[in-house]
PDB file of N, CA and C in Angstrom:
ATOM      1  N   GLN A   1       2.952   8.417  85.581  1.00  0.00           N
ATOM      2  CA  GLN A   1       3.405   8.585  86.960  1.00  0.00           C
ATOM      3  C   GLN A   1       4.914   8.884  86.975  1.00  0.00           C
ATOM      4  N   LEU A   2       5.644   8.047  86.188  1.00  0.00           N
ATOM      5  CA  LEU A   2       7.106   8.234  86.139  1.00  0.00           C
ATOM      6  C   LEU A   2       7.430   9.612  85.559  1.00  0.00           C
ATOM      7  N   HIS A   3       6.706   9.983  84.514  1.00  0.00           N
ATOM      8  CA  HIS A   3       6.936  11.281  83.890  1.00  0.00           C
ATOM      9  C   HIS A   3       6.655  12.416  84.877  1.00  0.00           C
ATOM     10  N   LEU A   4       5.582  12.283  85.644  1.00  0.00           N
ATOM     11  CA  LEU A   4       5.210  13.285  86.650  1.00  0.00           C
ATOM     12  C   LEU A   4       6.283  13.372  87.722  1.00  0.00           C
ATOM     13  N   THR A   5       6.750  12.255  88.177  1.00  0.00           N
ATOM     14  CA  THR A   5       7.782  12.206  89.219  1.00  0.00           C
ATOM     15  C   THR A   5       9.082  12.808  88.702  1.00  0.00           C
ATOM     16  N   THR A   6       9.446  12.503  87.472  1.00  0.00           N
ATOM     17  CA  THR A   6      10.668  13.057  86.876  1.00  0.00           C
ATOM     18  C   THR A   6      10.535  14.570  86.737  1.00  0.00           C
ATOM     19  N   SER A   7       9.359  14.985  86.336  1.00  0.00           N
ATOM     20  CA  SER A   7       9.109  16.417  86.190  1.00  0.00           C
ATOM     21  C   SER A   7       9.216  17.122  87.536  1.00  0.00           C
ATOM     22  N   GLU A   8       8.631  16.529  88.550  1.00  0.00           N
ATOM     23  CA  GLU A   8       8.708  17.103  89.910  1.00  0.00           C
ATOM     24  C   GLU A   8      10.161  17.134  90.386  1.00  0.00           C
ATOM     25  N   LYS A   9      10.888  16.058  90.083  1.00  0.00           N
ATOM     26  CA  LYS A   9      12.302  15.985  90.496  1.00  0.00           C
ATOM     27  C   LYS A   9      13.088  17.112  89.823  1.00  0.00           C
ATOM     28  N   ASN A  10      12.856  17.306  88.526  1.00  0.00           N
ATOM     29  CA  ASN A  10      13.547  18.374  87.797  1.00  0.00           C
ATOM     30  C   ASN A  10      13.183  19.750  88.357  1.00  0.00           C
ATOM     31  N   GLU A  11      11.926  19.926  88.675  1.00  0.00           N
ATOM     32  CA  GLU A  11      11.472  21.200  89.253  1.00  0.00           C
ATOM     33  C   GLU A  11      12.133  21.425  90.605  1.00  0.00           C
ATOM     34  N   LEU A  12      12.177  20.373  91.436  1.00  0.00           N
ATOM     35  CA  LEU A  12      12.829  20.491  92.744  1.00  0.00           C
ATOM     36  C   LEU A  12      14.322  20.781  92.580  1.00  0.00           C
ATOM     37  N   ALA A  13      14.957  20.139  91.598  1.00  0.00           N
ATOM     38  CA  ALA A  13      16.384  20.367  91.344  1.00  0.00           C
ATOM     39  C   ALA A  13      16.621  21.821  90.948  1.00  0.00           C
ATOM     40  N   ARG A  14      15.744  22.386  90.081  1.00  0.00           N
ATOM     41  CA  ARG A  14      15.870  23.796  89.690  1.00  0.00           C
ATOM     42  C   ARG A  14      15.659  24.715  90.904  1.00  0.00           C
ATOM     43  N   SER A  15      14.657  24.369  91.708  1.00  0.00           N
ATOM     44  CA  SER A  15      14.396  25.168  92.913  1.00  0.00           C
ATOM     45  C   SER A  15      15.588  25.105  93.857  1.00  0.00           C
ATOM     46  N   LEU A  16      16.146  23.912  94.027  1.00  0.00           N
ATOM     47  CA  LEU A  16      17.305  23.740  94.900  1.00  0.00           C
ATOM     48  C   LEU A  16      18.479  24.552  94.369  1.00  0.00           C
ATOM     49  N   GLU A  17      18.687  24.511  93.078  1.00  0.00           N
ATOM     50  CA  GLU A  17      19.790  25.262  92.473  1.00  0.00           C
ATOM     51  C   GLU A  17      19.586  26.764  92.659  1.00  0.00           C
ATOM     52  N   MET A  18      18.344  27.245  92.510  1.00  0.00           N
ATOM     53  CA  MET A  18      18.051  28.663  92.723  1.00  0.00           C
ATOM     54  C   MET A  18      18.322  29.054  94.178  1.00  0.00           C
ATOM     55  N   VAL A  19      17.865  28.221  95.092  1.00  0.00           N
ATOM     56  CA  VAL A  19      18.077  28.513  96.519  1.00  0.00           C
ATOM     57  C   VAL A  19      19.573  28.525  96.827  1.00  0.00           C
ATOM     58  N   GLN A  20      20.315  27.537  96.259  1.00  0.00           N
ATOM     59  CA  GLN A  20      21.761  27.492  96.489  1.00  0.00           C
ATOM     60  C   GLN A  20      22.446  28.733  95.919  1.00  0.00           C
ATOM     61  N   ASN A  21      22.025  29.166  94.749  1.00  0.00           N
ATOM     62  CA  ASN A  21      22.579  30.388  94.149  1.00  0.00           C
ATOM     63  C   ASN A  21      22.281  31.612  95.017  1.00  0.00           C
ATOM     64  N   GLN A  22      21.044  31.670  95.505  1.00  0.00           N
ATOM     65  CA  GLN A  22      20.675  32.794  96.374  1.00  0.00           C
ATOM     66  C   GLN A  22      21.517  32.777  97.655  1.00  0.00           C
ATOM     67  N   LEU A  23      21.702  31.571  98.214  1.00  0.00           N
ATOM     68  CA  LEU A  23      22.517  31.456  99.428  1.00  0.00           C
ATOM     69  C   LEU A  23      23.957  31.883  99.151  1.00  0.00           C
ATOM     70  N   GLN A  24      24.504  31.483  98.004  1.00  0.00           N
ATOM     71  CA  GLN A  24      25.868  31.870  97.663  1.00  0.00           C
ATOM     72  C   GLN A  24      25.976  33.385  97.489  1.00  0.00           C
ATOM     73  N   GLU A  25      24.989  33.984  96.847  1.00  0.00           N
ATOM     74  CA  GLU A  25      24.982  35.441  96.689  1.00  0.00           C
ATOM     75  C   GLU A  25      24.911  36.130  98.044  1.00  0.00           C
ATOM     76  N   LYS A  26      24.036  35.603  98.912  1.00  0.00           N
ATOM     77  CA  LYS A  26      23.889  36.187 100.253  1.00  0.00           C
ATOM     78  C   LYS A  26      25.191  36.024 101.040  1.00  0.00           C
ATOM     79  N   GLU A  27      25.806  34.840 100.916  1.00  0.00           N
ATOM     80  CA  GLU A  27      27.070  34.590 101.622  1.00  0.00           C
ATOM     81  C   GLU A  27      28.147  35.553 101.130  1.00  0.00           C
ATOM     82  N   SER A  28      28.223  35.751  99.815  1.00  0.00           N
ATOM     83  CA  SER A  28      29.203  36.693  99.247  1.00  0.00           C
ATOM     84  C   SER A  28      28.945  38.111  99.760  1.00  0.00           C
ATOM     85  N   GLU A  29      27.672  38.496  99.785  1.00  0.00           N
ATOM     86  CA  GLU A  29      27.311  39.830 100.275  1.00  0.00           C
ATOM     87  C   GLU A  29      27.705  39.999 101.738  1.00  0.00           C
ATOM     88  N   ILE A  30      27.419  38.966 102.539  1.00  0.00           N
ATOM     89  CA  ILE A  30      27.759  39.037 103.973  1.00  0.00           C
ATOM     90  C   ILE A  30      29.269  39.103 104.155  1.00  0.00           C
ATOM     91  N   LYS A  31      30.028  38.300 103.362  1.00  0.00           N
ATOM     92  CA  LYS A  31      31.493  38.332 103.463  1.00  0.00           C
ATOM     93  C   LYS A  31      32.031  39.711 103.082  1.00  0.00           C
ATOM     94  N   ARG A  32      31.436  40.310 102.043  1.00  0.00           N
ATOM     95  CA  ARG A  32      31.852  41.652 101.628  1.00  0.00           C
ATOM     96  C   ARG A  32      31.572  42.667 102.736  1.00  0.00           C
ATOM     97  N   GLU A  33      30.395  42.581 103.352  1.00  0.00           N
ATOM     98  CA  GLU A  33      30.049  43.499 104.442  1.00  0.00           C
ATOM     99  C   GLU A  33      30.986  43.307 105.626  1.00  0.00           C
ATOM    100  N   ILE A  34      31.294  42.035 105.952  1.00  0.00           N
ATOM    101  CA  ILE A  34      32.217  41.752 107.061  1.00  0.00           C
ATOM    102  C   ILE A  34      33.581  42.378 106.763  1.00  0.00           C
ATOM    103  N   SER A  35      34.029  42.221 105.521  1.00  0.00           N
ATOM    104  CA  SER A  35      35.314  42.794 105.127  1.00  0.00           C
ATOM    105  C   SER A  35      35.299  44.320 105.260  1.00  0.00           C
ATOM    106  N   GLU A  36      34.203  44.960 104.829  1.00  0.00           N
ATOM    107  CA  GLU A  36      34.073  46.415 104.957  1.00  0.00           C
ATOM    108  C   GLU A  36      34.092  46.836 106.426  1.00  0.00           C
ATOM    109  N   TYR A  37      33.354  46.095 107.277  1.00  0.00           N
ATOM    110  CA  TYR A  37      33.326  46.427 108.705  1.00  0.00           C
ATOM    111  C   TYR A  37      34.700  46.262 109.337  1.00  0.00           C
ATOM    112  N   LYS A  38      35.427  45.201 108.920  1.00  0.00           N
ATOM    113  CA  LYS A  38      36.782  45.010 109.454  1.00  0.00           C
ATOM    114  C   LYS A  38      37.686  46.159 109.039  1.00  0.00           C
ATOM    115  N   ASP A  39      37.572  46.578 107.773  1.00  0.00           N
ATOM    116  CA  ASP A  39      38.378  47.704 107.291  1.00  0.00           C
ATOM    117  C   ASP A  39      38.051  48.979 108.071  1.00  0.00           C
ATOM    118  N   ARG A  40      36.762  49.218 108.274  1.00  0.00           N
ATOM    119  CA  ARG A  40      36.346  50.406 109.021  1.00  0.00           C
ATOM    120  C   ARG A  40      36.822  50.344 110.472  1.00  0.00           C
ATOM    121  N   LEU A  41      36.765  49.131 111.049  1.00  0.00           N
ATOM    122  CA  LEU A  41      37.230  48.954 112.422  1.00  0.00           C
ATOM    123  C   LEU A  41      38.729  49.219 112.517  1.00  0.00           C
ATOM    124  N   LEU A  42      39.496  48.662 111.566  1.00  0.00           N
ATOM    125  CA  LEU A  42      40.946  48.907 111.562  1.00  0.00           C
ATOM    126  C   LEU A  42      41.253  50.388 111.403  1.00  0.00           C
ATOM    127  N   GLN A  43      40.517  51.065 110.537  1.00  0.00           N
ATOM    128  CA  GLN A  43      40.717  52.505 110.330  1.00  0.00           C
ATOM    129  C   GLN A  43      40.389  53.278 111.610  1.00  0.00           C
ATOM    130  N   ALA A  44      39.288  52.914 112.247  1.00  0.00           N
ATOM    131  CA  ALA A  44      38.893  53.596 113.501  1.00  0.00           C
ATOM    132  C   ALA A  44      39.935  53.348 114.587  1.00  0.00           C
ATOM    133  N   GLU A  45      40.444  52.110 114.665  1.00  0.00           N
ATOM    134  CA  GLU A  45      41.471  51.799 115.665  1.00  0.00           C
ATOM    135  C   GLU A  45      42.743  52.591 115.398  1.00  0.00           C
ATOM    136  N   LYS A  46      43.109  52.712 114.113  1.00  0.00           N
ATOM    137  CA  LYS A  46      44.305  53.483 113.764  1.00  0.00           C
ATOM    138  C   LYS A  46      44.112  54.953 114.135  1.00  0.00           C
ATOM    139  N   GLU A  47      42.951  55.510 113.797  1.00  0.00           N
ATOM    140  CA  GLU A  47      42.682  56.906 114.136  1.00  0.00           C
ATOM    141  C   GLU A  47      42.701  57.112 115.647  1.00  0.00           C
ATOM    142  N   HIS A  48      42.132  56.158 116.364  1.00  0.00           N
ATOM    143  CA  HIS A  48      42.120  56.239 117.836  1.00  0.00           C
ATOM    144  C   HIS A  48      43.553  56.194 118.375  1.00  0.00           C
ATOM    145  N   GLN A  49      44.354  55.269 117.841  1.00  0.00           N
ATOM    146  CA  GLN A  49      45.743  55.154 118.294  1.00  0.00           C
ATOM    147  C   GLN A  49      46.534  56.412 117.959  1.00  0.00           C
ATOM    148  N   ASP A  50      46.305  56.963 116.765  1.00  0.00           N
ATOM    149  CA  ASP A  50      46.990  58.207 116.384  1.00  0.00           C
ATOM    150  C   ASP A  50      46.609  59.351 117.321  1.00  0.00           C
ATOM    151  N   ALA A  51      45.320  59.452 117.621  1.00  0.00           N
ATOM    152  CA  ALA A  51      44.855  60.507 118.530  1.00  0.00           C
ATOM    153  C   ALA A  51      45.445  60.320 119.921  1.00  0.00           C
ATOM    154  N   LEU A  52      45.514  59.065 120.360  1.00  0.00           N
ATOM    155  CA  LEU A  52      46.083  58.761 121.676  1.00  0.00           C
ATOM    156  C   LEU A  52      47.564  59.130 121.720  1.00  0.00           C
ATOM    157  N   THR A  53      48.279  58.767 120.671  1.00  0.00           N
ATOM    158  CA  THR A  53      49.705  59.101 120.597  1.00  0.00           C
ATOM    159  C   THR A  53      49.907  60.614 120.607  1.00  0.00           C
ATOM    160  N   GLU A  54      49.099  61.309 119.823  1.00  0.00           N
ATOM    161  CA  GLU A  54      49.201  62.776 119.774  1.00  0.00           C
ATOM    162  C   GLU A  54      48.908  63.390 121.144  1.00  0.00           C
ATOM    163  N   ALA A  55      47.870  62.878 121.807  1.00  0.00           N
ATOM    164  CA  ALA A  55      47.516  63.402 123.136  1.00  0.00           C
ATOM    165  C   ALA A  55      48.639  63.126 124.134  1.00  0.00           C
ATOM    166  N   ASN A  56      49.240  61.933 124.055  1.00  0.00           N
ATOM    167  CA  ASN A  56      50.339  61.598 124.969  1.00  0.00           C
ATOM    168  C   ASN A  56      51.530  62.521 124.749  1.00  0.00           C
ATOM    169  N   LEU A  57      51.858  62.769 123.481  1.00  0.00           N
ATOM    170  CA  LEU A  57      52.976  63.676 123.186  1.00  0.00           C
ATOM    171  C   LEU A  57      52.695  65.077 123.706  1.00  0.00           C
ATOM    172  N   LYS A  58      51.456  65.538 123.482  1.00  0.00           N
ATOM    173  CA  LYS A  58      51.072  66.879 123.956  1.00  0.00           C
ATOM    174  C   LYS A  58      51.178  66.940 125.485  1.00  0.00           C
ATOM    175  N   ASN A  59      50.704  65.881 126.147  1.00  0.00           N
ATOM    176  CA  ASN A  59      50.776  65.859 127.613  1.00  0.00           C
ATOM    177  C   ASN A  59      52.218  65.849 128.095  1.00  0.00           C
ATOM    178  N   GLU A  60      53.087  65.082 127.410  1.00  0.00           N
ATOM    179  CA  GLU A  60      54.495  65.054 127.806  1.00  0.00           C
ATOM    180  C   GLU A  60      55.129  66.436 127.672  1.00  0.00           C
ATOM    181  N   VAL A  61      54.790  67.138 126.590  1.00  0.00           N
ATOM    182  CA  VAL A  61      55.323  68.490 126.392  1.00  0.00           C
ATOM    183  C   VAL A  61      54.822  69.423 127.503  1.00  0.00           C
ATOM    184  N   GLU A  62      53.528  69.316 127.821  1.00  0.00           N
ATOM    185  CA  GLU A  62      52.958  70.168 128.874  1.00  0.00           C
ATOM    186  C   GLU A  62      53.575  69.840 130.228  1.00  0.00           C
ATOM    187  N   ILE A  63      53.794  68.546 130.497  1.00  0.00           N
ATOM    188  CA  ILE A  63      54.406  68.140 131.772  1.00  0.00           C
ATOM    189  C   ILE A  63      55.825  68.691 131.866  1.00  0.00           C
ATOM    190  N   GLU A  64      56.579  68.583 130.771  1.00  0.00           N
ATOM    191  CA  GLU A  64      57.945  69.112 130.759  1.00  0.00           C
ATOM    192  C   GLU A  64      57.932  70.623 130.990  1.00  0.00           C
ATOM    193  N   ALA A  65      56.999  71.322 130.361  1.00  0.00           N
ATOM    194  CA  ALA A  65      56.888  72.774 130.556  1.00  0.00           C
ATOM    195  C   ALA A  65      56.566  73.097 132.014  1.00  0.00           C
ATOM    196  N   CYS A  66      55.687  72.285 132.619  1.00  0.00           N
ATOM    197  CA  CYS A  66      55.343  72.493 134.037  1.00  0.00           C
ATOM    198  C   CYS A  66      56.551  72.246 134.935  1.00  0.00           C
ATOM    199  N   HIS A  67      57.324  71.198 134.632  1.00  0.00           N
ATOM    200  CA  HIS A  67      58.526  70.923 135.426  1.00  0.00           C
ATOM    201  C   HIS A  67      59.511  72.089 135.328  1.00  0.00           C
ATOM    202  N   GLU A  68      59.674  72.622 134.117  1.00  0.00           N
ATOM    203  CA  GLU A  68      60.574  73.763 133.938  1.00  0.00           C
ATOM    204  C   GLU A  68      60.071  74.981 134.711  1.00  0.00           C
ATOM    205  N   LYS A  69      58.749  75.194 134.680  1.00  0.00           N
ATOM    206  CA  LYS A  69      58.189  76.344 135.409  1.00  0.00           C
ATOM    207  C   LYS A  69      58.372  76.166 136.921  1.00  0.00           C
ATOM    208  N   ILE A  70      58.141  74.937 137.401  1.00  0.00           N
ATOM    209  CA  ILE A  70      58.341  74.658 138.829  1.00  0.00           C
ATOM    210  C   ILE A  70      59.791  74.912 139.222  1.00  0.00           C
ATOM    211  N   SER A  71      60.716  74.419 138.395  1.00  0.00           N
ATOM    212  CA  SER A  71      62.143  74.624 138.670  1.00  0.00           C
ATOM    213  C   SER A  71      62.474  76.115 138.702  1.00  0.00           C
ATOM    214  N   SER A  72      61.929  76.842 137.731  1.00  0.00           N
ATOM    215  CA  SER A  72      62.172  78.287 137.677  1.00  0.00           C
ATOM    216  C   SER A  72      61.614  78.985 138.922  1.00  0.00           C
ATOM    217  N   LEU A  73      60.395  78.580 139.327  1.00  0.00           N
ATOM    218  CA  LEU A  73      59.784  79.194 140.516  1.00  0.00           C
ATOM    219  C   LEU A  73      60.564  78.840 141.782  1.00  0.00           C
ATOM    220  N   GLU A  74      61.054  77.602 141.863  1.00  0.00           N
ATOM    221  CA  GLU A  74      61.854  77.218 143.033  1.00  0.00           C
ATOM    222  C   GLU A  74      63.129  78.054 143.111  1.00  0.00           C
ATOM    223  N   HIS A  75      63.754  78.269 141.948  1.00  0.00           N
ATOM    224  CA  HIS A  75      64.963  79.097 141.904  1.00  0.00           C
ATOM    225  C   HIS A  75      64.634  80.540 142.320  1.00  0.00           C
ATOM    226  N   PHE A  76      63.504  81.047 141.824  1.00  0.00           N
ATOM    227  CA  PHE A  76      63.089  82.404 142.171  1.00  0.00           C
ATOM    228  C   PHE A  76      62.830  82.522 143.681  1.00  0.00           C
ATOM    229  N   ILE A  77      62.132  81.530 144.245  1.00  0.00           N
ATOM    230  CA  ILE A  77      61.836  81.544 145.687  1.00  0.00           C
ATOM    231  C   ILE A  77      63.132  81.513 146.492  1.00  0.00           C
ATOM    232  N   SER A  78      64.065  80.670 146.058  1.00  0.00           N
ATOM    233  CA  SER A  78      65.348  80.579 146.745  1.00  0.00           C
ATOM    234  C   SER A  78      66.082  81.920 146.715  1.00  0.00           C
ATOM    235  N   SER A  79      66.098  82.575 145.564  1.00  0.00           N
ATOM    236  CA  SER A  79      66.776  83.874 145.467  1.00  0.00           C
ATOM    237  C   SER A  79      66.048  84.932 146.301  1.00  0.00           C
ATOM    238  N   GLN A  80      64.717  84.858 146.364  1.00  0.00           N
ATOM    239  CA  GLN A  80      63.953  85.803 147.183  1.00  0.00           C
ATOM    240  C   GLN A  80      64.246  85.601 148.674  1.00  0.00           C
ATOM    241  N   LYS A  81      64.389  84.323 149.078  1.00  0.00           N
ATOM    242  CA  LYS A  81      64.737  84.057 150.494  1.00  0.00           C
ATOM    243  C   LYS A  81      66.105  84.643 150.835  1.00  0.00           C
ATOM    244  N   LEU A  82      67.060  84.473 149.913  1.00  0.00           N
ATOM    245  CA  LEU A  82      68.391  85.053 150.148  1.00  0.00           C
ATOM    246  C   LEU A  82      68.306  86.575 150.236  1.00  0.00           C
ATOM    247  N   GLU A  83      67.503  87.168 149.350  1.00  0.00           N
ATOM    248  CA  GLU A  83      67.333  88.623 149.366  1.00  0.00           C
ATOM    249  C   GLU A  83      66.704  89.081 150.682  1.00  0.00           C
ATOM    250  N   ILE A  84      65.710  88.325 151.169  1.00  0.00           N
ATOM    251  CA  ILE A  84      65.061  88.666 152.453  1.00  0.00           C
ATOM    252  C   ILE A  84      66.077  88.603 153.590  1.00  0.00           C
ATOM    253  N   GLU A  85      66.906  87.537 153.613  1.00  0.00           N
ATOM    254  CA  GLU A  85      67.930  87.420 154.657  1.00  0.00           C
ATOM    255  C   GLU A  85      68.919  88.588 154.583  1.00  0.00           C
ATOM    256  N   HIS A  86      69.292  88.950 153.362  1.00  0.00           N
ATOM    257  CA  HIS A  86      70.208  90.080 153.172  1.00  0.00           C
ATOM    258  C   HIS A  86      69.571  91.383 153.682  1.00  0.00           C
ATOM    259  N   LEU A  87      68.289  91.581 153.351  1.00  0.00           N
ATOM    260  CA  LEU A  87      67.594  92.795 153.803  1.00  0.00           C
ATOM    261  C   LEU A  87      67.441  92.819 155.326  1.00  0.00           C
ATOM    262  N   LYS A  88      67.177  91.653 155.926  1.00  0.00           N
ATOM    263  CA  LYS A  88      67.081  91.591 157.397  1.00  0.00           C
ATOM    264  C   LYS A  88      68.414  91.973 158.032  1.00  0.00           C
ATOM    265  N   SER A  89      69.484  91.454 157.449  1.00  0.00           N
ATOM    266  CA  SER A  89      70.819  91.768 157.974  1.00  0.00           C
ATOM    267  C   SER A  89      71.110  93.258 157.850  1.00  0.00           C
ATOM    268  N   ASN A  90      70.769  93.839 156.683  1.00  0.00           N
ATOM    269  CA  ASN A  90      70.968  95.284 156.488  1.00  0.00           C
ATOM    270  C   ASN A  90      70.132  96.086 157.473  1.00  0.00           C
ATOM    271  N   LYS A  91      68.889  95.629 157.698  1.00  0.00           N
ATOM    272  CA  LYS A  91      68.008  96.334 158.628  1.00  0.00           C
ATOM    273  C   LYS A  91      68.610  96.312 160.030  1.00  0.00           C
ATOM    274  N   GLU A  92      69.129  95.161 160.418  1.00  0.00           N
ATOM    275  CA  GLU A  92      69.730  95.044 161.750  1.00  0.00           C
ATOM    276  C   GLU A  92      70.944  95.967 161.875  1.00  0.00           C
ATOM    277  N   GLN A  93      71.759  96.000 160.822  1.00  0.00           N
ATOM    278  CA  GLN A  93      72.931  96.889 160.845  1.00  0.00           C
ATOM    279  C   GLN A  93      72.496  98.355 160.918  1.00  0.00           C
ATOM    280  N   LEU A  94      71.459  98.697 160.123  1.00  0.00           N
ATOM    281  CA  LEU A  94      70.961 100.083 160.145  1.00  0.00           C
ATOM    282  C   LEU A  94      70.381 100.430 161.516  1.00  0.00           C
ATOM    283  N   ASN A  95      69.651  99.494 162.132  1.00  0.00           N
ATOM    284  CA  ASN A  95      69.100  99.741 163.469  1.00  0.00           C
ATOM    285  C   ASN A  95      70.225  99.951 164.485  1.00  0.00           C
ATOM    286  N   ASN A  96      71.266  99.120 164.379  1.00  0.00           N
ATOM    287  CA  ASN A  96      72.409  99.280 165.304  1.00  0.00           C
ATOM    288  C   ASN A  96      73.096 100.622 165.083  1.00  0.00           C
ATOM    289  N   SER A  97      73.247 100.998 163.795  1.00  0.00           N
ATOM    290  CA  SER A  97      73.872 102.291 163.482  1.00  0.00           C
ATOM    291  C   SER A  97      73.007 103.434 164.005  1.00  0.00           C
ATOM    292  N   LEU A  98      71.671 103.300 163.838  1.00  0.00           N
ATOM    293  CA  LEU A  98      70.761 104.335 164.316  1.00  0.00           C
ATOM    294  C   LEU A  98      70.832 104.452 165.839  1.00  0.00           C
ATOM    295  N   LYS A  99      70.883 103.317 166.525  1.00  0.00           N
ATOM    296  CA  LYS A  99      71.002 103.358 167.989  1.00  0.00           C
ATOM    297  C   LYS A  99      72.306 104.033 168.411  1.00  0.00           C
ATOM    298  N   GLU A 100      73.372 103.678 167.689  1.00  0.00           N
ATOM    299  CA  GLU A 100      74.675 104.280 168.014  1.00  0.00           C
ATOM    300  C   GLU A 100      74.651 105.781 167.745  1.00  0.00           C
ATOM    301  N   ALA A 101      74.013 106.163 166.605  1.00  0.00           N
ATOM    302  CA  ALA A 101      73.935 107.591 166.276  1.00  0.00           C
ATOM    303  C   ALA A 101      73.088 108.331 167.316  1.00  0.00           C
ATOM    304  N   ASN A 102      71.969 107.724 167.754  1.00  0.00           N
ATOM    305  CA  ASN A 102      71.121 108.354 168.777  1.00  0.00           C
ATOM    306  C   ASN A 102      71.862 108.477 170.109  1.00  0.00           C
ATOM    307  N   ARG A 103      72.637 107.427 170.448  1.00  0.00           N
ATOM    308  CA  ARG A 103      73.403 107.480 171.690  1.00  0.00           C
ATOM    309  C   ARG A 103      74.439 108.607 171.633  1.00  0.00           C
ATOM    310  N   ALA A 104      75.123 108.685 170.464  1.00  0.00           N
ATOM    311  CA  ALA A 104      76.145 109.739 170.299  1.00  0.00           C
ATOM    312  C   ALA A 104      75.493 111.116 170.329  1.00  0.00           C
ATOM    313  N   LEU A 105      74.313 111.228 169.690  1.00  0.00           N
ATOM    314  CA  LEU A 105      73.606 112.502 169.683  1.00  0.00           C
ATOM    315  C   LEU A 105      73.212 112.883 171.111  1.00  0.00           C
ATOM    316  N   GLY A 106      72.735 111.863 171.841  1.00  0.00           N
ATOM    317  CA  GLY A 106      72.360 112.134 173.236  1.00  0.00           C
ATOM    318  C   GLY A 106      73.546 112.634 174.041  1.00  0.00           C
ATOM    319  N   GLU A 107      74.701 112.036 173.838  1.00  0.00           N
ATOM    320  CA  GLU A 107      75.896 112.483 174.584  1.00  0.00           C
ATOM    321  C   GLU A 107      76.301 113.904 174.172  1.00  0.00           C
ATOM    322  N   LEU A 108      76.189 114.143 172.848  1.00  0.00           N
ATOM    323  CA  LEU A 108      76.538 115.494 172.369  1.00  0.00           C
ATOM    324  C   LEU A 108      75.587 116.538 172.938  1.00  0.00           C
ATOM    325  N   LEU A 109      74.293 116.181 173.027  1.00  0.00           N
ATOM    326  CA  LEU A 109      73.333 117.114 173.593  1.00  0.00           C
ATOM    327  C   LEU A 109      73.630 117.396 175.062  1.00  0.00           C
ATOM    328  N   LYS A 110      74.036 116.322 175.780  1.00  0.00           N
ATOM    329  CA  LYS A 110      74.384 116.498 177.197  1.00  0.00           C
ATOM    330  C   LYS A 110      75.583 117.436 177.339  1.00  0.00           C
ATOM    331  N   ILE A 111      76.538 117.215 176.455  1.00  0.00           N
ATOM    332  CA  ILE A 111      77.753 118.059 176.501  1.00  0.00           C
ATOM    333  C   ILE A 111      77.381 119.514 176.201  1.00  0.00           C
ATOM    334  N   LYS A 112      76.539 119.723 175.210  1.00  0.00           N
ATOM    335  CA  LYS A 112      76.136 121.046 174.806  1.00  0.00           C
ATOM    336  C   LYS A 112      75.370 121.758 175.915  1.00  0.00           C
ATOM    337  N   VAL A 113      74.526 121.000 176.626  1.00  0.00           N
ATOM    338  CA  VAL A 113      73.708 121.596 177.669  1.00  0.00           C
ATOM    339  C   VAL A 113      74.616 122.073 178.802  1.00  0.00           C
ATOM    340  N   ARG A 114      75.696 121.409 179.094  1.00  0.00           N
ATOM    341  CA  ARG A 114      76.559 121.775 180.214  1.00  0.00           C
ATOM    342  C   ARG A 114      77.214 123.039 179.970  1.00  0.00           C
TER     343      ARG A 114
END
């Protein structure tokens, strides 16, 4: 009986040791996988941050280009308004000159007819 019990105890001890070894191997494997996933996550986060930084820089450059274009267009519009005012003034002067010339022509025609 004692021999049987000792034998069973030894068998259980071997089984326990095998199970513990398997658990340790599984734990090591899981820790390795966790480490790999963390590394991959850090790499993905870095790539995401790099892409975000690049996109932000590109957007800042595009925004600056748009501001410059707006400024240029505002300057162009301002110069066009001045040109329009100048042309209106010239037109008014030409109309006044034309009226004066027509009036003078009319007087000359009257004189000629007499």
